[in-house]
Protein backbone atom coordinates (compact mmCIF):
# COMPACT_ATOMS: atom_id res chain seq x y z
CA MET A 1 -117.99 104.03 -21.69
CA ASP A 2 -119.05 107.54 -22.24
CA LYS A 3 -122.44 108.82 -20.19
CA THR A 4 -124.50 107.93 -23.03
CA THR A 5 -123.48 104.43 -23.58
CA ALA A 6 -123.74 103.80 -19.81
CA GLY A 7 -127.33 105.77 -19.94
CA ASN A 8 -128.04 103.00 -22.66
CA PHE A 9 -127.20 100.38 -20.94
CA LEU A 10 -128.50 101.14 -17.36
CA ALA A 11 -132.44 101.81 -19.50
CA THR A 12 -132.43 98.39 -20.16
CA ASP A 13 -134.31 95.63 -17.55
CA PHE A 14 -131.84 92.56 -16.84
CA PRO A 15 -131.65 90.09 -14.16
CA GLY A 16 -130.30 91.86 -11.17
CA LYS A 17 -131.29 95.50 -12.36
CA LYS A 18 -134.19 96.29 -10.53
CA GLU A 19 -132.30 95.22 -7.04
CA TYR A 20 -128.99 97.35 -8.21
CA ASP A 21 -131.25 100.61 -8.86
CA ARG A 22 -133.05 100.08 -5.26
CA TRP A 23 -129.54 100.23 -3.46
CA LEU A 24 -127.87 103.11 -5.62
CA GLY A 25 -131.19 105.35 -4.79
CA SER A 26 -131.41 104.11 -1.01
CA ASN A 27 -130.58 106.47 1.93
CA TYR A 28 -129.52 103.46 4.17
CA ILE A 29 -126.57 102.58 1.66
CA ASP A 30 -123.74 104.93 2.37
CA ASP A 31 -121.67 107.63 0.18
CA LYS A 32 -118.59 105.13 -0.59
CA THR A 33 -121.03 102.01 -1.59
CA LYS A 34 -123.10 104.10 -3.70
CA ALA A 35 -119.73 105.18 -5.37
CA GLU A 36 -118.65 101.84 -6.15
CA LEU A 37 -122.18 101.29 -7.46
CA THR A 38 -121.98 104.26 -10.14
CA ASP A 39 -118.54 102.89 -10.65
CA ILE A 40 -119.69 99.74 -12.13
CA ALA A 41 -122.69 101.50 -14.48
CA LYS A 42 -119.34 104.09 -15.78
CA ARG A 43 -117.48 100.70 -16.88
CA GLY A 44 -120.50 99.15 -18.14
CA GLY A 45 -120.33 96.38 -16.14
CA ARG A 46 -124.00 94.88 -17.18
CA ASP A 47 -122.04 91.23 -16.13
CA GLU A 48 -120.95 92.64 -12.78
CA ILE A 49 -124.11 93.72 -11.91
CA ILE A 50 -125.66 90.45 -12.75
CA SER A 51 -123.51 88.37 -10.94
CA ARG A 52 -123.43 91.19 -7.56
CA PHE A 53 -127.33 91.62 -7.93
CA ALA A 54 -129.18 88.63 -9.54
CA VAL A 55 -128.65 85.95 -6.59
CA PRO A 56 -129.48 86.54 -2.83
CA PRO A 57 -126.94 85.61 -0.86
CA VAL A 58 -127.27 81.66 0.66
CA PHE A 59 -125.81 80.56 3.84
CA GLY A 60 -123.97 77.23 2.15
CA THR A 61 -122.28 74.43 4.26
CA ALA A 62 -119.27 76.80 5.57
CA GLY A 63 -121.43 80.02 6.22
CA LEU A 64 -120.89 82.73 3.74
CA ARG A 65 -117.33 83.32 1.92
CA GLN A 66 -117.34 86.02 -1.15
CA LEU A 67 -115.44 88.46 -2.54
CA MET A 68 -116.18 91.69 -0.83
CA GLY A 69 -117.65 94.77 -2.53
CA ALA A 70 -121.05 95.93 -2.82
CA GLY A 71 -124.07 93.87 -3.85
CA ILE A 72 -126.55 91.16 -2.40
CA SER A 73 -123.72 88.36 -3.38
CA ARG A 74 -120.83 90.24 -2.37
CA LEU A 75 -119.40 90.04 1.59
CA ASN A 76 -120.48 94.15 3.03
CA VAL A 77 -121.86 95.42 6.17
CA TYR A 78 -125.57 94.67 4.89
CA THR A 79 -125.04 91.20 3.82
CA VAL A 80 -123.22 90.85 7.52
CA LYS A 81 -126.28 92.39 8.89
CA LEU A 82 -128.64 90.61 7.00
CA VAL A 83 -127.25 87.31 7.86
CA THR A 84 -126.97 88.42 11.72
CA LYS A 85 -130.44 89.59 12.10
CA SER A 86 -131.54 85.82 10.58
CA LEU A 87 -129.06 83.95 13.01
CA ALA A 88 -130.72 86.11 15.92
CA LYS A 89 -134.41 84.85 14.41
CA VAL A 90 -132.84 81.30 14.67
CA ILE A 91 -131.27 81.44 18.19
CA LYS A 92 -134.23 83.21 19.42
CA ASP A 93 -136.83 80.29 18.16
CA SER A 94 -134.01 77.71 19.58
CA GLY A 95 -135.19 79.26 23.17
CA ASN A 96 -131.39 80.10 23.41
CA LYS A 97 -131.16 83.64 23.46
CA ALA A 98 -129.70 84.24 26.96
CA SER A 99 -126.96 82.66 26.27
CA GLY A 100 -125.62 85.04 23.81
CA VAL A 101 -123.04 84.63 21.03
CA VAL A 102 -119.32 84.79 20.81
CA ILE A 103 -117.85 86.43 18.07
CA ALA A 104 -114.16 86.35 16.62
CA TYR A 105 -112.33 87.28 13.45
CA ASP A 106 -108.80 87.01 11.94
CA SER A 107 -106.70 89.49 10.10
CA ARG A 108 -108.46 90.10 6.58
CA ASN A 109 -109.55 93.24 5.66
CA ASN A 110 -112.83 94.61 6.97
CA SER A 111 -112.85 91.78 9.66
CA ARG A 112 -112.82 93.79 12.72
CA LEU A 113 -115.96 96.15 11.30
CA PHE A 114 -117.70 93.21 9.76
CA ALA A 115 -117.48 91.79 13.44
CA GLU A 116 -118.76 95.14 15.03
CA LYS A 117 -121.68 95.04 13.31
CA ALA A 118 -122.43 91.66 13.67
CA ALA A 119 -121.94 92.39 17.56
CA ALA A 120 -124.43 95.58 16.85
CA VAL A 121 -127.17 93.91 15.25
CA LEU A 122 -127.49 90.96 18.10
CA ALA A 123 -127.19 93.71 20.72
CA ASP A 124 -130.81 95.24 19.08
CA GLU A 125 -132.05 91.88 19.13
CA GLY A 126 -131.20 91.18 22.78
CA ILE A 127 -129.29 89.51 22.15
CA LYS A 128 -125.29 89.42 24.22
CA ALA A 129 -122.37 89.36 22.14
CA TYR A 130 -118.87 88.63 23.62
CA LEU A 131 -116.99 90.05 20.64
CA PHE A 132 -112.65 89.40 20.85
CA GLU A 133 -110.96 92.47 21.95
CA SER A 134 -108.29 91.30 18.60
CA LEU A 135 -107.94 88.74 16.19
CA ARG A 136 -107.62 85.17 17.43
CA PRO A 137 -107.59 81.73 15.68
CA THR A 138 -110.53 79.73 14.42
CA PRO A 139 -110.25 77.03 17.18
CA GLU A 140 -110.60 79.36 19.47
CA LEU A 141 -113.92 80.82 19.05
CA SER A 142 -114.87 76.92 18.89
CA PHE A 143 -113.42 76.27 22.09
CA ALA A 144 -115.10 79.93 23.22
CA VAL A 145 -118.67 78.88 22.14
CA ILE A 146 -118.38 75.65 24.65
CA PHE A 147 -116.43 77.56 27.50
CA LEU A 148 -119.11 80.64 27.39
CA GLY A 149 -122.00 78.13 27.09
CA CYS A 150 -122.70 80.26 24.30
CA ALA A 151 -126.07 79.82 21.76
CA ALA A 152 -123.66 80.27 18.85
CA GLY A 153 -120.77 81.70 17.68
CA ILE A 154 -119.64 83.82 14.80
CA ASN A 155 -116.58 84.29 12.92
CA ILE A 156 -115.27 86.33 10.19
CA THR A 157 -113.08 84.79 8.13
CA ALA A 158 -112.36 83.40 4.84
CA SER A 159 -109.88 81.16 5.77
CA HIS A 160 -107.06 80.94 2.95
CA ASN A 161 -108.49 82.79 0.32
CA PRO A 162 -107.13 85.32 -1.41
CA LYS A 163 -107.09 88.74 -0.06
CA GLU A 164 -110.13 89.81 -2.17
CA TYR A 165 -112.38 87.20 0.19
CA ASN A 166 -114.20 87.49 3.73
CA GLY A 167 -116.47 85.10 4.80
CA TYR A 168 -119.41 84.71 7.83
CA LYS A 169 -118.75 81.68 9.26
CA VAL A 170 -121.41 80.58 12.67
CA TYR A 171 -120.98 77.78 15.16
CA TRP A 172 -123.75 76.56 17.26
CA SER A 173 -123.68 75.79 20.74
CA ASP A 174 -121.94 72.33 20.68
CA GLY A 175 -118.83 74.58 19.42
CA ALA A 176 -119.02 73.00 15.35
CA GLN A 177 -120.16 74.97 12.25
CA VAL A 178 -123.79 74.82 12.32
CA SER A 179 -125.94 72.06 10.73
CA THR A 180 -127.35 71.49 7.37
CA GLU A 181 -130.62 71.98 9.17
CA HIS A 182 -129.45 75.33 10.92
CA ALA A 183 -127.51 76.48 7.78
CA SER A 184 -131.36 76.05 5.68
CA LYS A 185 -133.38 77.61 8.57
CA ILE A 186 -130.74 80.69 8.48
CA THR A 187 -131.01 80.99 4.71
CA ASP A 188 -134.93 80.80 4.58
CA GLU A 189 -135.17 83.49 7.45
CA MET A 190 -132.89 85.55 5.08
CA LYS A 191 -135.76 85.77 2.69
CA ASN A 192 -137.80 87.47 5.81
CA HIS A 193 -135.55 90.58 6.11
CA ASP A 194 -134.98 93.45 3.71
CA ILE A 195 -131.19 94.02 3.55
CA LEU A 196 -132.03 97.46 3.48
CA ASN A 197 -133.49 97.77 6.61
CA ILE A 198 -131.61 96.31 9.24
CA LYS A 199 -131.43 97.65 12.66
CA GLU A 200 -128.28 97.76 14.88
CA GLU A 201 -127.40 99.24 17.68
CA ASN A 202 -124.87 102.09 18.54
CA PHE A 203 -121.41 100.01 19.23
CA ILE A 204 -119.84 101.99 22.18
CA SER A 205 -123.07 102.40 23.60
CA ALA A 206 -124.01 98.90 23.18
CA VAL A 207 -120.02 98.26 24.81
CA LYS A 208 -121.37 100.86 28.06
CA SER A 209 -124.61 98.79 28.58
CA GLY A 210 -122.81 95.19 28.52
CA GLY A 211 -124.92 94.16 25.15
CA ILE A 212 -121.66 93.75 24.01
CA LYS A 213 -118.83 92.79 25.92
CA ILE A 214 -115.30 92.59 25.16
CA ILE A 215 -113.28 89.47 25.87
CA SER A 216 -109.42 88.21 25.93
CA GLY A 217 -107.13 86.88 28.51
CA GLU A 218 -110.38 85.12 30.41
CA VAL A 219 -110.35 82.88 27.24
CA ASP A 220 -106.93 82.83 25.88
CA GLY A 221 -105.65 81.12 29.50
CA GLU A 222 -108.35 78.14 29.42
CA TYR A 223 -107.65 77.61 25.32
CA VAL A 224 -104.17 77.64 26.03
CA SER A 225 -104.30 75.07 29.07
CA LYS A 226 -106.25 72.40 26.81
CA VAL A 227 -103.66 73.00 23.75
CA LEU A 228 -101.18 72.23 25.92
CA ASP A 229 -103.06 69.23 27.31
CA CYS A 230 -102.52 67.72 23.87
CA GLY A 231 -99.16 66.94 24.16
CA ILE A 232 -98.46 63.05 24.87
CA ASN A 233 -94.89 62.56 25.33
CA LYS A 234 -94.02 65.89 27.46
CA ASP A 235 -90.77 64.86 27.84
CA ALA A 236 -90.28 65.22 24.36
CA LEU A 237 -90.17 68.90 23.94
CA LYS A 238 -88.79 69.56 27.63
CA LYS A 239 -85.31 67.44 27.71
CA HIS A 240 -85.09 67.81 22.86
CA GLY A 241 -87.05 71.18 22.57
CA ASP A 242 -83.58 73.26 22.95
CA SER A 243 -81.78 70.97 20.02
CA LEU A 244 -85.08 71.32 17.74
CA GLU A 245 -84.84 74.14 15.81
CA LEU A 246 -88.38 75.46 14.35
CA VAL A 247 -89.61 77.78 11.97
CA TYR A 248 -92.66 79.64 11.83
CA THR A 249 -94.55 81.65 9.95
CA PRO A 250 -98.36 82.77 10.48
CA LEU A 251 -98.97 84.22 7.11
CA HIS A 252 -99.71 87.59 8.19
CA GLY A 253 -102.86 86.32 10.17
CA ALA A 254 -104.21 84.89 13.72
CA GLY A 255 -101.52 82.16 14.32
CA HIS A 256 -99.45 84.55 15.57
CA MET A 257 -101.36 85.76 18.89
CA LEU A 258 -100.44 81.83 20.32
CA VAL A 259 -98.54 79.48 18.47
CA PRO A 260 -95.43 80.59 19.56
CA LEU A 261 -96.47 81.35 23.16
CA VAL A 262 -97.73 77.46 22.93
CA LEU A 263 -94.78 75.64 22.00
CA ALA A 264 -92.72 77.97 24.53
CA ARG A 265 -94.45 77.26 27.10
CA ALA A 266 -94.42 73.33 25.74
CA GLY A 267 -90.55 73.76 25.92
CA VAL A 268 -89.46 74.88 22.33
CA SER A 269 -86.81 77.48 23.18
CA ASN A 270 -85.40 77.50 19.59
CA LEU A 271 -88.38 78.78 17.70
CA HIS A 272 -88.09 81.84 14.57
CA VAL A 273 -90.72 83.65 13.89
CA VAL A 274 -90.54 84.72 9.80
CA PRO A 275 -89.89 88.62 10.16
CA SER A 276 -91.84 89.51 6.98
CA GLN A 277 -94.49 87.66 7.66
CA ARG A 278 -94.95 88.26 11.30
CA THR A 279 -97.62 91.06 11.53
CA PRO A 280 -100.97 90.89 10.79
CA ASP A 281 -101.93 92.38 6.84
CA GLY A 282 -105.01 91.54 5.08
CA ASN A 283 -103.30 92.24 2.00
CA PHE A 284 -101.27 89.63 2.30
CA PRO A 285 -98.46 90.91 0.66
CA THR A 286 -95.71 87.75 0.53
CA VAL A 287 -98.22 85.63 -0.99
CA THR A 288 -100.74 85.39 -4.07
CA SER A 289 -102.33 83.11 -1.61
CA PRO A 290 -102.14 82.81 2.02
CA ASN A 291 -102.82 78.83 1.70
CA PRO A 292 -100.14 76.75 3.82
CA GLU A 293 -101.31 73.78 1.22
CA ASN A 294 -99.04 75.87 -1.48
CA LYS A 295 -95.66 75.65 -1.98
CA GLU A 296 -94.95 79.07 -2.15
CA CYS A 297 -96.39 79.89 1.86
CA PHE A 298 -92.86 78.32 2.59
CA TYR A 299 -90.47 80.87 -0.09
CA GLU A 300 -90.23 83.46 2.74
CA SER A 301 -89.32 81.05 5.53
CA GLU A 302 -86.90 79.43 3.10
CA LYS A 303 -84.96 82.91 2.27
CA TYR A 304 -84.72 83.18 6.07
CA ILE A 305 -83.61 80.23 7.03
CA SER A 306 -80.94 80.76 4.16
CA ALA A 307 -79.59 84.36 4.62
CA ASN A 308 -79.43 83.67 8.73
CA ASN A 309 -77.66 80.27 8.47
CA LEU A 310 -80.31 78.26 10.26
CA LYS A 311 -80.28 74.65 11.11
CA THR A 312 -83.69 73.93 10.81
CA ASP A 313 -85.85 70.70 11.04
CA VAL A 314 -89.19 71.67 10.37
CA ILE A 315 -91.02 74.40 9.43
CA LEU A 316 -94.65 75.26 10.58
CA ALA A 317 -97.45 77.42 8.72
CA THR A 318 -100.83 78.59 9.71
CA ASP A 319 -103.39 80.24 7.75
CA PRO A 320 -104.93 83.50 8.22
CA ASP A 321 -107.39 82.13 10.74
CA GLY A 322 -104.87 79.76 12.62
CA ASP A 323 -106.96 76.63 11.84
CA ARG A 324 -104.79 74.80 9.11
CA LEU A 325 -101.37 73.89 9.66
CA GLY A 326 -98.65 73.36 6.80
CA VAL A 327 -95.79 71.54 7.32
CA ALA A 328 -92.08 71.69 5.55
CA VAL A 329 -89.49 69.12 6.57
CA LYS A 330 -86.07 68.46 5.23
CA ASN A 331 -85.73 65.20 2.66
CA GLY A 332 -82.89 62.78 2.12
CA GLY A 333 -80.91 65.47 0.31
CA GLY A 334 -81.22 68.64 3.05
CA ALA A 335 -84.07 70.20 0.64
CA PHE A 336 -87.23 71.43 2.18
CA ILE A 337 -90.43 69.53 0.82
CA PRO A 338 -93.69 70.96 2.11
CA LEU A 339 -95.74 67.76 3.33
CA THR A 340 -99.28 67.50 2.01
CA GLY A 341 -102.05 67.13 4.30
CA ASN A 342 -102.58 63.30 3.91
CA GLN A 343 -99.16 62.97 5.15
CA ILE A 344 -99.46 65.17 7.71
CA GLY A 345 -102.38 63.14 9.22
CA ALA A 346 -100.63 59.97 8.17
CA ILE A 347 -97.65 60.95 10.67
CA LEU A 348 -99.67 62.77 13.20
CA ILE A 349 -101.90 59.82 13.72
CA ASP A 350 -98.96 56.94 13.56
CA TYR A 351 -97.04 59.11 16.26
CA ILE A 352 -100.37 59.60 18.71
CA ILE A 353 -100.78 55.94 18.71
CA LYS A 354 -97.35 55.31 19.23
CA ALA A 355 -96.98 57.96 22.22
CA ARG A 356 -100.05 56.88 23.67
CA LYS A 357 -99.37 53.01 23.77
CA ALA A 358 -95.99 53.85 25.03
CA ALA A 359 -97.77 55.86 28.02
CA GLY A 360 -100.16 53.38 28.68
CA ILE A 361 -103.05 55.81 27.83
CA LEU A 362 -104.77 54.33 24.59
CA PRO A 363 -108.50 53.23 24.82
CA SER A 364 -109.52 50.23 24.00
CA ASN A 365 -112.14 51.18 22.12
CA ALA A 366 -109.89 54.54 20.62
CA CYS A 367 -111.38 55.78 17.50
CA ALA A 368 -109.81 58.15 14.90
CA ILE A 369 -111.45 60.51 12.41
CA ARG A 370 -110.86 61.12 8.60
CA SER A 371 -113.30 62.87 5.69
CA VAL A 372 -113.97 60.53 2.91
CA VAL A 373 -111.55 62.16 0.53
CA SER A 374 -108.95 61.55 2.87
CA SER A 375 -106.38 59.20 2.39
CA GLU A 376 -107.42 55.52 2.97
CA LEU A 377 -103.58 55.10 4.63
CA PHE A 378 -105.19 56.29 7.33
CA ASP A 379 -107.31 53.70 8.15
CA LYS A 380 -104.68 51.20 7.62
CA ILE A 381 -102.73 52.65 10.31
CA CYS A 382 -105.36 52.84 12.58
CA ARG A 383 -106.76 48.99 11.83
CA ALA A 384 -103.09 47.67 12.37
CA ASN A 385 -102.85 49.18 15.97
CA GLY A 386 -105.91 48.39 17.38
CA VAL A 387 -108.06 51.49 16.59
CA THR A 388 -111.33 52.16 14.29
CA PRO A 389 -110.81 54.36 11.51
CA VAL A 390 -114.23 56.56 10.82
CA THR A 391 -114.93 58.02 7.85
CA VAL A 392 -117.40 61.44 7.91
CA LEU A 393 -118.27 63.69 4.98
CA THR A 394 -116.00 66.47 3.85
CA GLY A 395 -116.57 69.65 6.43
CA PHE A 396 -114.77 69.59 9.94
CA LYS A 397 -118.37 69.45 11.48
CA TYR A 398 -118.80 66.58 10.75
CA ILE A 399 -115.90 65.41 12.83
CA GLY A 400 -117.40 67.39 15.74
CA GLU A 401 -120.79 65.94 15.26
CA LYS A 402 -119.19 62.03 16.14
CA ILE A 403 -116.90 63.84 19.07
CA ASN A 404 -120.21 64.79 20.50
CA GLU A 405 -122.19 61.23 19.55
CA TYR A 406 -119.24 59.20 21.01
CA GLN A 407 -119.40 61.27 24.18
CA SER A 408 -123.20 60.48 24.60
CA THR A 409 -123.04 56.94 23.76
CA GLY A 410 -119.37 55.91 25.21
CA GLU A 411 -119.41 53.83 21.96
CA HIS A 412 -115.75 55.12 20.98
CA SER A 413 -112.99 57.22 22.86
CA PHE A 414 -111.63 60.05 20.23
CA ILE A 415 -108.32 60.32 19.53
CA PHE A 416 -107.63 62.54 16.64
CA GLY A 417 -109.45 63.62 13.65
CA TYR A 418 -107.94 64.95 10.14
CA GLU A 419 -108.88 66.47 6.81
CA GLU A 420 -106.23 66.38 4.17
CA SER A 421 -106.57 70.39 3.55
CA GLN A 422 -104.90 70.28 6.71
CA GLY A 423 -107.15 70.23 9.55
CA PHE A 424 -106.47 68.19 12.25
CA LEU A 425 -107.36 68.07 15.92
CA SER A 426 -106.64 65.61 18.89
CA GLY A 427 -108.41 66.63 21.84
CA THR A 428 -112.38 67.16 22.96
CA TYR A 429 -111.80 71.13 23.81
CA ALA A 430 -113.26 72.19 20.14
CA ARG A 431 -115.15 70.99 16.92
CA ASP A 432 -113.22 72.64 14.84
CA LYS A 433 -109.51 72.00 13.64
CA ASP A 434 -107.16 73.31 15.41
CA ALA A 435 -103.61 74.48 13.84
CA VAL A 436 -102.18 75.49 17.08
CA ALA A 437 -102.12 72.63 18.69
CA ALA A 438 -101.18 70.01 15.63
CA SER A 439 -97.89 72.76 15.76
CA LEU A 440 -97.91 71.30 18.90
CA LEU A 441 -97.83 67.70 18.29
CA VAL A 442 -95.81 68.12 14.91
CA SER A 443 -93.13 69.61 17.50
CA GLU A 444 -93.53 66.70 19.71
CA ALA A 445 -93.49 64.20 16.78
CA ALA A 446 -90.06 65.87 15.74
CA ALA A 447 -88.56 66.47 18.85
CA TYR A 448 -89.15 62.86 19.86
CA TYR A 449 -87.92 60.95 16.19
CA LYS A 450 -84.82 63.80 16.85
CA SER A 451 -83.90 61.98 20.22
CA ARG A 452 -83.77 58.64 17.90
CA GLY A 453 -81.98 60.12 15.58
CA LYS A 454 -84.52 60.41 12.89
CA THR A 455 -86.23 63.16 10.52
CA LEU A 456 -90.24 63.50 10.36
CA PHE A 457 -89.09 62.74 6.36
CA GLU A 458 -87.55 59.61 7.43
CA SER A 459 -90.84 58.57 9.82
CA LEU A 460 -92.95 59.20 6.87
CA SER A 461 -90.73 56.60 5.13
CA ASP A 462 -90.96 54.34 7.42
CA ILE A 463 -94.81 54.57 7.57
CA TYR A 464 -94.81 53.76 3.73
CA SER A 465 -92.38 50.79 3.85
CA LEU A 466 -95.07 49.35 6.14
CA TYR A 467 -98.13 49.98 4.57
CA GLY A 468 -97.28 51.05 1.11
CA ARG A 469 -96.56 53.97 -1.07
CA HIS A 470 -99.69 56.31 -1.42
CA ASP A 471 -100.31 59.43 -2.81
CA GLU A 472 -102.87 62.13 -3.61
CA VAL A 473 -103.63 65.52 -5.32
CA THR A 474 -106.85 67.98 -5.33
CA LEU A 475 -107.39 69.49 -8.40
CA SER A 476 -109.67 72.90 -8.15
CA VAL A 477 -111.41 73.42 -11.44
CA ASP A 478 -113.01 77.09 -11.27
CA ILE A 479 -116.28 77.27 -12.53
CA LYS A 480 -115.91 80.27 -14.93
CA ALA A 481 -119.29 82.06 -15.61
CA THR A 482 -122.03 85.21 -15.09
CA LEU A 483 -123.78 82.66 -12.76
CA PRO A 484 -120.80 80.66 -11.47
CA MET A 485 -122.98 78.64 -9.04
CA GLU A 486 -125.92 77.87 -11.57
CA ALA A 487 -123.13 76.66 -13.71
CA MET A 488 -121.37 74.43 -11.16
CA ALA A 489 -124.35 72.62 -10.64
CA GLU A 490 -125.09 71.68 -13.78
CA LYS A 491 -121.36 70.59 -14.65
CA MET A 492 -122.23 68.32 -11.50
CA GLU A 493 -125.29 66.99 -13.10
CA TYR A 494 -123.79 66.46 -16.46
CA LEU A 495 -121.17 64.15 -14.37
CA ARG A 496 -124.37 62.38 -12.51
CA LYS A 497 -126.09 61.76 -16.01
CA ASN A 498 -122.41 60.46 -18.05
CA PRO A 499 -120.47 58.56 -15.09
CA LEU A 500 -116.90 57.81 -16.21
CA SER A 501 -116.10 54.08 -17.07
CA SER A 502 -112.49 54.05 -16.77
CA LEU A 503 -109.39 55.94 -14.92
CA ALA A 504 -106.17 56.54 -16.27
CA GLY A 505 -106.93 53.38 -18.39
CA ARG A 506 -108.06 51.13 -15.68
CA THR A 507 -111.69 50.18 -15.69
CA VAL A 508 -113.94 51.66 -12.94
CA THR A 509 -114.74 48.94 -10.90
CA GLU A 510 -117.23 50.93 -8.19
CA SER A 511 -119.16 54.07 -8.38
CA GLY A 512 -120.93 56.48 -5.80
CA ASP A 513 -123.65 58.78 -5.97
CA PHE A 514 -123.91 60.11 -2.50
CA LEU A 515 -126.89 62.27 -3.09
CA SER A 516 -129.09 58.94 -4.07
CA GLY A 517 -127.07 57.59 -1.07
CA GLU A 518 -125.76 54.47 -3.19
CA LEU A 519 -122.81 52.57 -4.22
CA LEU A 520 -122.99 50.50 -7.36
CA ASP A 521 -120.46 47.41 -8.00
CA ILE A 522 -119.52 47.71 -11.75
CA SER A 523 -119.40 44.08 -12.38
CA SER A 524 -122.34 42.45 -10.31
CA GLY A 525 -124.04 45.62 -10.43
CA LYS A 526 -125.31 44.95 -6.51
CA ILE A 527 -125.76 48.50 -4.65
CA THR A 528 -125.22 49.31 -1.27
CA LYS A 529 -126.54 52.29 0.35
CA THR A 530 -123.57 54.57 1.82
CA THR A 531 -123.23 55.04 5.70
CA LEU A 532 -122.98 58.98 5.22
CA PRO A 533 -125.66 61.36 5.30
CA LYS A 534 -126.97 62.52 1.33
CA THR A 535 -124.74 65.27 -0.26
CA ASN A 536 -123.66 66.10 -3.68
CA MET A 537 -120.79 64.17 -4.07
CA LEU A 538 -119.51 61.79 -6.79
CA LEU A 539 -116.99 58.73 -6.81
CA TYR A 540 -115.44 56.29 -9.11
CA LYS A 541 -112.88 53.60 -8.29
CA ALA A 542 -110.41 51.33 -10.16
CA LYS A 543 -107.47 49.18 -9.18
CA ASP A 544 -105.76 51.05 -6.86
CA ILE A 545 -106.89 54.44 -7.79
CA SER A 546 -110.15 56.81 -6.77
CA VAL A 547 -111.25 59.89 -7.61
CA ILE A 548 -114.19 61.97 -5.77
CA PHE A 549 -116.01 65.15 -6.87
CA ARG A 550 -117.53 67.62 -5.10
CA PRO A 551 -118.45 70.82 -5.69
CA SER A 552 -118.09 73.90 -2.75
CA GLY A 553 -121.07 75.10 -1.14
CA THR A 554 -119.49 78.84 -1.09
CA GLU A 555 -117.61 79.37 -4.19
CA PRO A 556 -118.00 78.11 -7.84
CA LYS A 557 -115.47 75.37 -8.06
CA VAL A 558 -115.57 71.86 -8.16
CA LYS A 559 -112.85 69.75 -6.30
CA ALA A 560 -111.55 66.47 -7.60
CA TYR A 561 -109.77 64.57 -5.10
CA ILE A 562 -107.98 61.75 -6.68
CA ARG A 563 -105.70 58.72 -4.32
CA ALA A 564 -103.70 56.56 -5.88
CA ALA A 565 -101.90 53.41 -4.50
CA GLY A 566 -98.48 51.94 -5.73
CA LYS A 567 -95.22 50.54 -5.24
CA ASP A 568 -92.88 53.61 -5.20
CA LYS A 569 -93.65 57.32 -5.85
CA THR A 570 -93.11 57.26 -9.50
CA GLU A 571 -96.19 54.43 -10.13
CA THR A 572 -98.19 57.03 -7.81
CA LEU A 573 -97.08 60.03 -9.74
CA LEU A 574 -97.92 58.72 -12.77
CA LEU A 575 -101.24 57.59 -12.28
CA LEU A 576 -102.38 60.59 -10.25
CA ASP A 577 -101.03 62.81 -13.34
CA SER A 578 -102.78 60.40 -15.80
CA ILE A 579 -106.07 61.18 -13.77
CA LYS A 580 -105.61 64.91 -13.28
CA LYS A 581 -105.13 65.29 -17.19
CA GLN A 582 -108.42 63.40 -17.68
CA VAL A 583 -110.79 65.57 -14.78
CA ILE A 584 -109.48 68.50 -16.53
CA THR A 585 -110.44 67.38 -20.00
CA LEU A 586 -114.04 66.18 -18.36
CA PHE A 587 -114.69 69.94 -17.45
CA ALA A 588 -112.93 72.05 -20.15
CA ASP A 589 -116.07 74.61 -21.40
């Protein structure tokens, strides 16, 4: 685009244009950001300006998770400072200012910068910031909030998203991600501040004065001790750890800080860390997306195993912030297959119950918690073994809320919680999923079964033989639009007004609208209330199959969680494939 055309383009008025102009003319904006803004205009990016400046940032269910770049709808030092200023006000209103805030970050580009900016704003607000000296896994941040007795915690991470993203997650004093109530307060408070006028203290000066405290080993040691306590049959690794060969990849992230250390202390002496993915790198050069749910995340591990003629039993993979765990195991033919989060969850709850029973430490009031979109196989395993299964909304903070509730009431003793998106927790030392502890438990289970001549794959087959075949697939539908979050809301409202009548050719027998909190039995017309908090989610069930639609709280995408049970894998996969095609057609433009 030439200068004349660009000038005509900027002369018109459209959503976001005034805020764009304000940024471009502000002395508060740094030169690098101004150059980026100018480049947008040179390229004639009218839609890009709208997408960056028309809609203010909203603190969603998991905080902020956005593309990095200039604009109020992108993650940058200005949006980080704005949300930190707003969080500081919410903390002050809670009367817990003196307790301070602990801050962690992962290996993503700009994570350290954003963490320092957040600490500097807190220092200016008179709230002490505890900043980790280098990247740490997310679960250690959750633990640190509790351990240090802080008012809140901040984690700079976009979890498993592609390299272009980063995020800002907030934890409250209980170590769990902030509640919907606190998230709303932060969003409301963000409207009261000018993003181009947020003060911060000089970082170096704040460190010298004590307004910012750099932390490391004093928290690491306590956290590692708690993770090691998650082991149940500790002799399994101590006696058989040398015969178990594991390959681990941190996918260029924070997991490498502690996973090898924990496994070594537990008794694993034959652990190989994939060299090409060992070093932290926010560009994630060996993968398209550093999500251990994706098969490609295991390619480098398999290449490494083949090149070195290793006799590996299990491959472990953690995402960049070390809260999600991926596992690949050998099938009957000797090939590695990645397990789904539901399969890992089934293996772990089955093993935890067995190990606790054998050790005589399974509480009589034991409970295990899953998210509503996770596999119902989990419930079957629990009920068959005298453990109460509990279902919560998607989001690990809801599992954290239940842990807090049961610790207060004594109604249940928590032994395990999981989400199908490969998040697992087996202790009460934290309130978020923990891939470090999950790595330990998977390794312990693998050692236990290997000592009995079985693989993890065979242990899963035994579970299916006992409880029936269950398979699931999660379909993520990206919403493409200039204002994608609004378009996503419209898609969900359309589906709410035009409910599905069949799934894979089978008549829908039950539907649920979790926004109204109602479940409908189609044949009888009977309506019952759900036991879950109201949320924007839709459920449809037919014989042995179901689908749940849930829009993301931070990204323009709708997830469809599809579940099927049947006599064998062939049947379940055919059902899943049929429903997948139905969903894709439903959301096609």
